[in-house]
C-alpha atoms as a PDB file:
ATOM      1  CA  MET A   1       0.000   0.000   0.000  1.00  0.00           C
ATOM      2  CA  ILE A   2       1.428   3.399  -1.032  1.00  0.00           C
ATOM      3  CA  LYS A   3       1.451   5.970   1.782  1.00  0.00           C
ATOM      4  CA  SER A   4       0.007   9.380   1.115  1.00  0.00           C
ATOM      5  CA  THR A   5       2.212  12.458   0.902  1.00  0.00           C
ATOM      6  CA  GLN A   6       0.688  13.736   4.135  1.00  0.00           C
ATOM      7  CA  GLU A   7       1.581  10.532   6.000  1.00  0.00           C
ATOM      8  CA  VAL A   8       5.174  10.679   4.746  1.00  0.00           C
ATOM      9  CA  HIS A   9       5.379  14.343   5.729  1.00  0.00           C
ATOM     10  CA  VAL A  10       4.131  13.596   9.261  1.00  0.00           C
ATOM     11  CA  LYS A  11       6.594  10.732   9.675  1.00  0.00           C
ATOM     12  CA  ARG A  12       9.480  12.827   8.376  1.00  0.00           C
ATOM     13  CA  SER A  13       8.542  15.683  10.706  1.00  0.00           C
ATOM     14  CA  ARG A  14       8.623  13.377  13.713  1.00  0.00           C
ATOM     15  CA  ILE A  15      12.062  12.089  12.739  1.00  0.00           C
ATOM     16  CA  ILE A  16      13.360  15.643  12.320  1.00  0.00           C
ATOM     17  CA  ILE A  17      11.886  16.646  15.683  1.00  0.00           C
ATOM     18  CA  PHE A  18      13.487  13.620  17.335  1.00  0.00           C
ATOM     19  CA  PHE A  19      16.942  14.540  16.019  1.00  0.00           C
ATOM     20  CA  LEU A  20      16.428  18.170  16.988  1.00  0.00           C
ATOM     21  CA  TYR A  21      15.767  17.059  20.566  1.00  0.00           C
ATOM     22  CA  LEU A  22      18.955  14.969  20.451  1.00  0.00           C
ATOM     23  CA  LYS A  23      20.874  17.977  19.154  1.00  0.00           C
ATOM     24  CA  CYS A  24      19.526  20.151  21.959  1.00  0.00           C
ATOM     25  CA  MET A  25      20.492  17.563  24.585  1.00  0.00           C
ATOM     26  CA  LEU A  26      23.949  16.885  23.099  1.00  0.00           C
ATOM     27  CA  PRO A  27      25.798  19.037  25.693  1.00  0.00           C
ATOM     28  CA  PHE A  28      24.308  16.965  28.522  1.00  0.00           C
ATOM     29  CA  PHE A  29      24.870  13.656  26.704  1.00  0.00           C
ATOM     30  CA  LEU A  30      28.575  14.477  26.412  1.00  0.00           C
ATOM     31  CA  ALA A  31      29.133  16.045  29.826  1.00  0.00           C
ATOM     32  CA  HIS A  32      26.607  14.030  31.894  1.00  0.00           C
ATOM     33  CA  HIS A  33      26.559  17.069  34.180  1.00  0.00           C
ATOM     34  CA  PRO A  34      24.840  20.443  34.036  1.00  0.00           C
ATOM     35  CA  ASP A  35      27.080  23.316  32.965  1.00  0.00           C
ATOM     36  CA  CYS A  36      27.367  24.354  36.600  1.00  0.00           C
ATOM     37  CA  GLU A  37      30.281  26.010  38.380  1.00  0.00           C
ATOM     38  CA  ASN A  38      29.944  23.559  41.282  1.00  0.00           C
ATOM     39  CA  LEU A  39      30.323  20.570  38.931  1.00  0.00           C
ATOM     40  CA  LYS A  40      33.091  21.834  36.662  1.00  0.00           C
ATOM     41  CA  GLU A  41      35.669  19.468  38.214  1.00  0.00           C
ATOM     42  CA  HIS A  42      33.693  16.544  36.778  1.00  0.00           C
ATOM     43  CA  THR A  43      34.158  17.592  33.153  1.00  0.00           C
ATOM     44  CA  LEU A  44      36.824  18.470  30.620  1.00  0.00           C
ATOM     45  CA  LYS A  45      36.311  21.209  28.081  1.00  0.00           C
ATOM     46  CA  ALA A  46      37.451  20.828  24.470  1.00  0.00           C
ATOM     47  CA  GLY A  47      36.436  23.745  22.306  1.00  0.00           C
ATOM     48  CA  ARG A  48      32.768  24.489  22.887  1.00  0.00           C
ATOM     49  CA  TYR A  49      32.028  21.008  24.220  1.00  0.00           C
ATOM     50  CA  ARG A  50      32.420  19.546  27.700  1.00  0.00           C
ATOM     51  CA  PHE A  51      33.079  15.846  28.299  1.00  0.00           C
ATOM     52  CA  CYS A  52      32.481  13.700  31.361  1.00  0.00           C
ATOM     53  CA  ILE A  53      35.889  12.805  32.829  1.00  0.00           C
ATOM     54  CA  GLY A  54      34.742   9.429  34.130  1.00  0.00           C
ATOM     55  CA  CYS A  55      33.210   8.235  30.870  1.00  0.00           C
ATOM     56  CA  PHE A  56      35.601   9.740  28.348  1.00  0.00           C
ATOM     57  CA  ILE A  57      38.773   8.837  30.257  1.00  0.00           C
ATOM     58  CA  GLY A  58      37.918   5.827  32.411  1.00  0.00           C
ATOM     59  CA  TYR A  59      36.131   3.642  29.870  1.00  0.00           C
ATOM     60  CA  PRO A  60      38.490   4.276  26.913  1.00  0.00           C
ATOM     61  CA  THR A  61      41.461   3.587  29.213  1.00  0.00           C
ATOM     62  CA  ALA A  62      39.929   0.245  30.170  1.00  0.00           C
ATOM     63  CA  VAL A  63      39.351  -0.772  26.535  1.00  0.00           C
ATOM     64  CA  ILE A  64      42.844   0.297  25.465  1.00  0.00           C
ATOM     65  CA  GLY A  65      44.312  -1.482  28.496  1.00  0.00           C
ATOM     66  CA  ILE A  66      42.562  -4.743  27.592  1.00  0.00           C
ATOM     67  CA  ILE A  67      44.015  -4.581  24.082  1.00  0.00           C
ATOM     68  CA  LEU A  68      47.527  -3.602  25.218  1.00  0.00           C
ATOM     69  CA  ILE A  69      47.727  -6.315  27.874  1.00  0.00           C
ATOM     70  CA  ASP A  70      47.130  -8.900  25.189  1.00  0.00           C
ATOM     71  CA  PHE A  71      49.325  -7.144  22.614  1.00  0.00           C
ATOM     72  CA  ILE A  72      52.438  -6.920  24.812  1.00  0.00           C
ATOM     73  CA  GLY A  73      51.942 -10.451  26.112  1.00  0.00           C
ATOM     74  CA  LEU A  74      51.229  -9.788  29.782  1.00  0.00           C
ATOM     75  CA  ILE A  75      48.653 -12.575  29.788  1.00  0.00           C
ATOM     76  CA  GLU A  76      51.563 -15.000  29.361  1.00  0.00           C
ATOM     77  CA  ILE A  77      53.619 -13.392  32.133  1.00  0.00           C
ATOM     78  CA  PHE A  78      51.136 -12.452  34.856  1.00  0.00           C
ATOM     79  CA  SER A  79      49.220 -15.034  36.842  1.00  0.00           C
ATOM     80  CA  VAL A  80      45.462 -14.888  37.276  1.00  0.00           C
ATOM     81  CA  GLN A  81      45.994 -13.993  40.934  1.00  0.00           C
ATOM     82  CA  LEU A  82      48.210 -11.031  39.989  1.00  0.00           C
ATOM     83  CA  PHE A  83      45.619  -9.762  37.524  1.00  0.00           C
ATOM     84  CA  PHE A  84      43.020  -9.840  40.287  1.00  0.00           C
ATOM     85  CA  ILE A  85      45.302  -8.133  42.813  1.00  0.00           C
ATOM     86  CA  LEU A  86      46.218  -5.329  40.411  1.00  0.00           C
ATOM     87  CA  GLY A  87      42.648  -4.957  39.182  1.00  0.00           C
ATOM     88  CA  ILE A  88      41.099  -4.694  42.639  1.00  0.00           C
ATOM     89  CA  SER A  89      43.919  -2.426  43.874  1.00  0.00           C
ATOM     90  CA  PHE A  90      43.460   0.086  41.073  1.00  0.00           C
ATOM     91  CA  LEU A  91      39.661  -0.048  41.235  1.00  0.00           C
ATOM     92  CA  SER A  92      39.797   0.648  44.972  1.00  0.00           C
ATOM     93  CA  LEU A  93      41.023   4.160  44.134  1.00  0.00           C
ATOM     94  CA  ILE A  94      37.338   5.058  44.044  1.00  0.00           C
ATOM     95  CA  ILE A  95      37.983   5.814  47.718  1.00  0.00           C
ATOM     96  CA  LEU A  96      39.595   9.084  46.592  1.00  0.00           C
ATOM     97  CA  SER A  97      36.137  10.245  45.557  1.00  0.00           C
ATOM     98  CA  ILE A  98      34.639   9.194  48.885  1.00  0.00           C
ATOM     99  CA  LEU A  99      37.377  11.153  50.683  1.00  0.00           C
ATOM    100  CA  ASN A 100      36.530  14.156  48.466  1.00  0.00           C
ATOM    101  CA  LEU A 101      40.079  14.321  47.098  1.00  0.00           C
ATOM    102  CA  THR A 102      38.871  14.315  43.504  1.00  0.00           C
ATOM    103  CA  LYS A 103      37.641  17.885  43.831  1.00  0.00           C
ATOM    104  CA  PHE A 104      41.031  18.608  42.270  1.00  0.00           C
ATOM    105  CA  LYS A 105      40.615  17.899  38.559  1.00  0.00           C
ATOM    106  CA  LEU A 106      44.141  16.523  38.024  1.00  0.00           C
ATOM    107  CA  ILE A 107      43.675  13.967  40.808  1.00  0.00           C
ATOM    108  CA  LYS A 108      40.299  13.009  39.344  1.00  0.00           C
ATOM    109  CA  ILE A 109      41.816  12.466  35.880  1.00  0.00           C
ATOM    110  CA  ILE A 110      44.630  10.316  37.277  1.00  0.00           C
ATOM    111  CA  GLN A 111      42.115   8.374  39.352  1.00  0.00           C
ATOM    112  CA  LYS A 112      39.944   7.598  36.313  1.00  0.00           C
ATOM    113  CA  ILE A 113      42.992   6.448  34.357  1.00  0.00           C
ATOM    114  CA  PHE A 114      43.991   4.016  37.098  1.00  0.00           C
ATOM    115  CA  ILE A 115      40.410   2.808  37.555  1.00  0.00           C
ATOM    116  CA  GLY A 116      40.306   2.122  33.808  1.00  0.00           C
ATOM    117  CA  ILE A 117      43.582   0.201  34.036  1.00  0.00           C
ATOM    118  CA  GLY A 118      42.179  -1.693  37.015  1.00  0.00           C
ATOM    119  CA  GLY A 119      39.179  -2.667  34.932  1.00  0.00           C
ATOM    120  CA  SER A 120      41.417  -4.032  32.176  1.00  0.00           C
ATOM    121  CA  PHE A 121      43.420  -6.128  34.663  1.00  0.00           C
ATOM    122  CA  LEU A 122      40.225  -7.456  36.219  1.00  0.00           C
ATOM    123  CA  PHE A 123      38.885  -8.334  32.764  1.00  0.00           C
ATOM    124  CA  TRP A 124      41.846 -10.592  32.039  1.00  0.00           C
ATOM    125  CA  GLY A 125      41.819 -11.997  35.551  1.00  0.00           C
ATOM    126  CA  ILE A 126      38.281 -13.260  34.979  1.00  0.00           C
ATOM    127  CA  TYR A 127      38.759 -14.241  31.342  1.00  0.00           C
ATOM    128  CA  LEU A 128      41.788 -16.431  32.165  1.00  0.00           C
ATOM    129  CA  LEU A 129      40.014 -18.410  34.865  1.00  0.00           C
ATOM    130  CA  PRO A 130      40.073 -22.177  34.192  1.00  0.00           C
ATOM    131  CA  ASN A 131      36.440 -22.268  33.102  1.00  0.00           C
ATOM    132  CA  PRO A 132      34.699 -22.489  29.714  1.00  0.00           C
ATOM    133  CA  LYS A 133      35.236 -19.138  27.962  1.00  0.00           C
ATOM    134  CA  ILE A 134      31.519 -18.585  27.506  1.00  0.00           C
ATOM    135  CA  TYR A 135      31.106 -18.874  31.274  1.00  0.00           C
ATOM    136  CA  ASN A 136      33.950 -16.420  31.875  1.00  0.00           C
ATOM    137  CA  LEU A 137      32.451 -13.954  29.401  1.00  0.00           C
ATOM    138  CA  PHE A 138      29.128 -14.134  31.218  1.00  0.00           C
ATOM    139  CA  LEU A 139      30.956 -13.609  34.521  1.00  0.00           C
ATOM    140  CA  ILE A 140      32.740 -10.584  33.029  1.00  0.00           C
ATOM    141  CA  PHE A 141      29.413  -9.139  31.940  1.00  0.00           C
ATOM    142  CA  LEU A 142      27.943  -9.711  35.398  1.00  0.00           C
ATOM    143  CA  VAL A 143      30.912  -8.262  37.300  1.00  0.00           C
ATOM    144  CA  PHE A 144      31.361  -5.204  35.119  1.00  0.00           C
ATOM    145  CA  SER A 145      27.638  -4.500  35.020  1.00  0.00           C
ATOM    146  CA  THR A 146      27.665  -4.489  38.823  1.00  0.00           C
ATOM    147  CA  ILE A 147      30.751  -2.267  39.020  1.00  0.00           C
ATOM    148  CA  SER A 148      29.369   0.122  36.415  1.00  0.00           C
ATOM    149  CA  SER A 149      26.030   0.316  38.243  1.00  0.00           C
ATOM    150  CA  LEU A 150      27.732   1.085  41.565  1.00  0.00           C
ATOM    151  CA  LEU A 151      29.952   3.743  39.999  1.00  0.00           C
ATOM    152  CA  ASN A 152      26.988   5.327  38.218  1.00  0.00           C
ATOM    153  CA  PHE A 153      24.965   5.265  41.438  1.00  0.00           C
ATOM    154  CA  TYR A 154      27.732   7.092  43.258  1.00  0.00           C
ATOM    155  CA  HIS A 155      28.037   9.456  40.294  1.00  0.00           C
ATOM    156  CA  VAL A 156      24.334  10.334  40.478  1.00  0.00           C
ATOM    157  CA  PHE A 157      24.505  10.648  44.267  1.00  0.00           C
ATOM    158  CA  SER A 158      27.411  13.119  44.073  1.00  0.00           C
ATOM    159  CA  ILE A 159      25.460  15.277  41.610  1.00  0.00           C
ATOM    160  CA  TYR A 160      22.394  15.029  43.843  1.00  0.00           C
ATOM    161  CA  LYS A 161      24.361  16.371  46.831  1.00  0.00           C
ATOM    162  CA  GLU A 162      25.492  19.392  44.839  1.00  0.00           C
ATOM    163  CA  CYS A 163      22.047  20.044  43.388  1.00  0.00           C
ATOM    164  CA  LYS A 164      20.321  19.637  46.744  1.00  0.00           C
ATOM    165  CA  ALA A 165      22.356  22.506  48.192  1.00  0.00           C
ATOM    166  CA  CYS A 166      21.407  24.793  45.288  1.00  0.00           C
ATOM    167  CA  GLU A 167      18.544  27.280  45.432  1.00  0.00           C
ATOM    168  CA  ASN A 168      17.321  25.882  42.107  1.00  0.00           C
ATOM    169  CA  CYS A 169      17.219  22.320  43.401  1.00  0.00           C
ATOM    170  CA  PHE A 170      15.716  20.190  40.606  1.00  0.00           C
ATOM    171  CA  ASN A 171      14.229  23.323  39.060  1.00  0.00           C
ATOM    172  CA  TRP A 172      16.025  22.766  35.774  1.00  0.00           C
ATOM    173  CA  ASN A 173      13.770  25.301  34.119  1.00  0.00           C
ATOM    174  CA  LYS A 174      15.698  27.991  36.024  1.00  0.00           C
ATOM    175  CA  CYS A 175      19.017  26.213  36.624  1.00  0.00           C
ATOM    176  CA  PRO A 176      21.876  28.079  34.858  1.00  0.00           C
ATOM    177  CA  GLY A 177      23.458  24.698  34.091  1.00  0.00           C
ATOM    178  CA  PHE A 178      20.718  23.939  31.555  1.00  0.00           C
ATOM    179  CA  GLU A 179      20.487  27.405  30.058  1.00  0.00           C
ATOM    180  CA  SER A 180      22.043  26.408  26.706  1.00  0.00           C
ATOM    181  CA  ILE A 181      19.653  23.479  26.348  1.00  0.00           C
ATOM    182  CA  ARG A 182      16.629  25.657  27.122  1.00  0.00           C
ATOM    183  CA  TYR A 183      17.882  28.191  24.587  1.00  0.00           C
ATOM    184  CA  ASN A 184      18.144  25.517  21.882  1.00  0.00           C
ATOM    185  CA  LEU A 185      14.687  24.162  22.686  1.00  0.00           C
ATOM    186  CA  GLN A 186      13.283  27.646  22.178  1.00  0.00           C
ATOM    187  CA  LYS A 187      15.431  28.203  19.089  1.00  0.00           C
ATOM    188  CA  TYR A 188      14.009  25.112  17.362  1.00  0.00           C
ATOM    189  CA  HIS A 189      10.467  25.731  18.672  1.00  0.00           C
ATOM    190  CA  LEU A 190      10.398  22.527  20.700  1.00  0.00           C
ATOM    191  CA  ASN A 191       8.430  21.816  23.852  1.00  0.00           C
ATOM    192  CA  ASN A 192      10.330  22.787  26.984  1.00  0.00           C
ATOM    193  CA  PHE A 193      10.064  19.562  28.990  1.00  0.00           C
ATOM    194  CA  PHE A 194      11.924  21.244  31.868  1.00  0.00           C
ATOM    195  CA  ASP A 195       8.559  22.690  32.900  1.00  0.00           C
ATOM    196  CA  PHE A 196       7.843  19.278  34.398  1.00  0.00           C
ATOM    197  CA  PHE A 197      10.851  19.545  36.739  1.00  0.00           C
ATOM    198  CA  GLU A 198       9.768  23.016  37.848  1.00  0.00           C
ATOM    199  CA  GLU A 199       6.567  21.485  39.156  1.00  0.00           C
ATOM    200  CA  ILE A 200       8.557  18.822  41.019  1.00  0.00           C
ATOM    201  CA  SER A 201      10.818  21.494  42.532  1.00  0.00           C
ATOM    202  CA  ASP A 202       7.811  23.507  43.690  1.00  0.00           C
ATOM    203  CA  ASN A 203       6.291  20.408  45.309  1.00  0.00           C
ATOM    204  CA  ILE A 204       9.553  19.677  47.152  1.00  0.00           C
ATOM    205  CA  LYS A 205       9.723  23.258  48.442  1.00  0.00           C
ATOM    206  CA  GLN A 206       6.097  23.117  49.595  1.00  0.00           C
ATOM    207  CA  ARG A 207       6.728  19.889  51.509  1.00  0.00           C
ATOM    208  CA  LYS A 208       9.793  21.409  53.193  1.00  0.00           C
ATOM    209  CA  GLU A 209       7.833  24.515  54.167  1.00  0.00           C
ATOM    210  CA  THR A 210       5.002  22.340  55.524  1.00  0.00           C
ATOM    211  CA  LYS A 211       7.418  20.311  57.665  1.00  0.00           C
ATOM    212  CA  GLU A 212       9.036  23.469  59.015  1.00  0.00           C
ATOM    213  CA  ILE A 213       5.632  24.776  60.067  1.00  0.00           C
END
C-alpha cells in the first residue's frame, strides 16, 4: 500500500523533531553534568564542548588497556591472581572520591585512568580463569555490570548532593546549568520539557515549608 504524501510528511517531521531534541540535549549527553560552576571538576572542556571525565577517560582507558595487555603479552607473564590483585587495587582508588580528594581535577583524571587500568586487569583476571570461555564472558558481563552500576549510582549521588544545596534544586527550568539546552529548545520551537521539573521542585519546596511549620 502506497502511503500518502501527508503521512510521509508527518513521519518525516517526527524524525526531524526527534533529532532536533537529540541535538539540543547533546551538551548533557557528552558532559553528563549540568554546565554548573559547582560541577566543573567533573568535566573536561574541548572547544565548545564539555566531556564527562569518568566516561571519556575511564572507559576508553579500560578498553585500550585490555588490548595492550594482550598485545604486549602480559597474559603469558602475569598469573590470574596477579591480575586480580592489580585490578582490585586500582579499582579501589574510588575511595579518593569518597574522601573528596577528587575535587582537584588533576587527581580526578589520574584516578579515572587508574580505575580504567584496574578494569582491564580485572577483565583478564576473569577471562583467564580455568572455566569455559563462555562462562567467563558471562561472569565478566555480570561483574562489570555491577561495578558500572555502583559507579553510576555514586556518580548520580554526588550530583544530587550538589544540586540539593542549590537554590534551584531540581528546578532545571531555572538552573543556569541547563540554560544552553533551554535556549536551543526555544530556538528550534520545541516543547520545553523542563517545565515538568519546575513542578517537582515547587512540590519539594512546599513539603519542606510544611514540615518546618
